[in-house]
Amino acid sequence: MDMNRVRQILSSPADIKVMYNGSSIWIDELHEDQEMVTCHLRGPLEERTQVAVSELIEE
């Protein structure tokens, strides 16, 4: 995925499915200077982690 698409997803009211390492995630925040996002798994576990934008896949 690229930075522009992450910006679009964050500003969209739609529920856009994004995958990281085979798991469905929510993107919480974009860190443009590092090309990273803070995200968490969809579901009851809300442990947040930072991952590279390039590792995200839109379904």
C-alpha atoms as a PDB file:
ATOM      1  CA  MET A   1       0.000   0.000   0.000  1.00  0.00           C
ATOM      2  CA  ASP A   2       1.169   3.580  -0.394  1.00  0.00           C
ATOM      3  CA  MET A   3       0.917   6.676   1.810  1.00  0.00           C
ATOM      4  CA  ASN A   4      -1.760   8.331  -0.337  1.00  0.00           C
ATOM      5  CA  ARG A   5      -4.062   5.306  -0.047  1.00  0.00           C
ATOM      6  CA  VAL A   6      -3.609   5.208   3.741  1.00  0.00           C
ATOM      7  CA  ARG A   7      -4.668   8.888   3.871  1.00  0.00           C
ATOM      8  CA  GLN A   8      -7.761   8.069   1.780  1.00  0.00           C
ATOM      9  CA  ILE A   9      -8.683   5.129   4.017  1.00  0.00           C
ATOM     10  CA  LEU A  10      -8.305   7.200   7.181  1.00  0.00           C
ATOM     11  CA  SER A  11     -10.556   9.962   5.819  1.00  0.00           C
ATOM     12  CA  SER A  12     -13.181   7.597   4.372  1.00  0.00           C
ATOM     13  CA  PRO A  13     -16.440   6.850   6.209  1.00  0.00           C
ATOM     14  CA  ALA A  14     -16.474   3.403   4.534  1.00  0.00           C
ATOM     15  CA  ASP A  15     -15.307   0.220   6.254  1.00  0.00           C
ATOM     16  CA  ILE A  16     -12.272  -0.634   4.121  1.00  0.00           C
ATOM     17  CA  LYS A  17     -10.679  -3.986   4.876  1.00  0.00           C
ATOM     18  CA  VAL A  18      -6.912  -3.760   5.385  1.00  0.00           C
ATOM     19  CA  MET A  19      -4.705  -6.749   6.106  1.00  0.00           C
ATOM     20  CA  TYR A  20      -1.348  -6.986   7.847  1.00  0.00           C
ATOM     21  CA  ASN A  21       0.504 -10.294   8.123  1.00  0.00           C
ATOM     22  CA  GLY A  22      -2.682 -12.238   7.316  1.00  0.00           C
ATOM     23  CA  SER A  23      -4.848 -10.450   9.904  1.00  0.00           C
ATOM     24  CA  SER A  24      -7.538  -7.811   9.441  1.00  0.00           C
ATOM     25  CA  ILE A  25      -6.552  -4.526  11.101  1.00  0.00           C
ATOM     26  CA  TRP A  26      -7.784  -1.005  11.817  1.00  0.00           C
ATOM     27  CA  ILE A  27      -5.425   1.852  10.975  1.00  0.00           C
ATOM     28  CA  ASP A  28      -5.378   4.298  13.881  1.00  0.00           C
ATOM     29  CA  GLU A  29      -2.788   6.835  12.806  1.00  0.00           C
ATOM     30  CA  LEU A  30      -0.393   7.582   9.954  1.00  0.00           C
ATOM     31  CA  HIS A  31       3.209   8.615  10.739  1.00  0.00           C
ATOM     32  CA  GLU A  32       4.165  10.200   7.423  1.00  0.00           C
ATOM     33  CA  ASP A  33       7.763  11.047   8.361  1.00  0.00           C
ATOM     34  CA  GLN A  34       8.525   7.359   9.025  1.00  0.00           C
ATOM     35  CA  GLU A  35       6.103   5.826   6.461  1.00  0.00           C
ATOM     36  CA  MET A  36       4.565   3.838   9.318  1.00  0.00           C
ATOM     37  CA  VAL A  37       1.076   3.426  10.766  1.00  0.00           C
ATOM     38  CA  THR A  38      -0.186   2.674  14.238  1.00  0.00           C
ATOM     39  CA  CYS A  39      -2.811  -0.060  13.958  1.00  0.00           C
ATOM     40  CA  HIS A  40      -4.644  -2.736  15.925  1.00  0.00           C
ATOM     41  CA  LEU A  41      -6.376  -6.012  15.119  1.00  0.00           C
ATOM     42  CA  ARG A  42     -10.101  -5.925  14.469  1.00  0.00           C
ATOM     43  CA  GLY A  43     -11.916  -7.491  17.387  1.00  0.00           C
ATOM     44  CA  PRO A  44     -11.705  -7.365  21.162  1.00  0.00           C
ATOM     45  CA  LEU A  45      -7.905  -7.131  21.391  1.00  0.00           C
ATOM     46  CA  GLU A  46      -6.801  -3.552  21.037  1.00  0.00           C
ATOM     47  CA  GLU A  47      -3.051  -3.886  21.426  1.00  0.00           C
ATOM     48  CA  ARG A  48      -1.557  -1.280  19.131  1.00  0.00           C
ATOM     49  CA  THR A  49       1.574  -1.713  17.074  1.00  0.00           C
ATOM     50  CA  GLN A  50       3.491   0.224  14.443  1.00  0.00           C
ATOM     51  CA  VAL A  51       4.053  -1.288  11.011  1.00  0.00           C
ATOM     52  CA  ALA A  52       5.416  -0.078   7.682  1.00  0.00           C
ATOM     53  CA  VAL A  53       2.853   1.244   5.190  1.00  0.00           C
ATOM     54  CA  SER A  54       4.423  -0.989   2.532  1.00  0.00           C
ATOM     55  CA  GLU A  55       3.404  -4.105   4.535  1.00  0.00           C
ATOM     56  CA  LEU A  56      -0.322  -3.293   4.414  1.00  0.00           C
ATOM     57  CA  ILE A  57      -2.626  -4.927   1.872  1.00  0.00           C
ATOM     58  CA  GLU A  58      -6.089  -3.676   0.938  1.00  0.00           C
ATOM     59  CA  GLU A  59      -8.625  -6.462   0.372  1.00  0.00           C
END
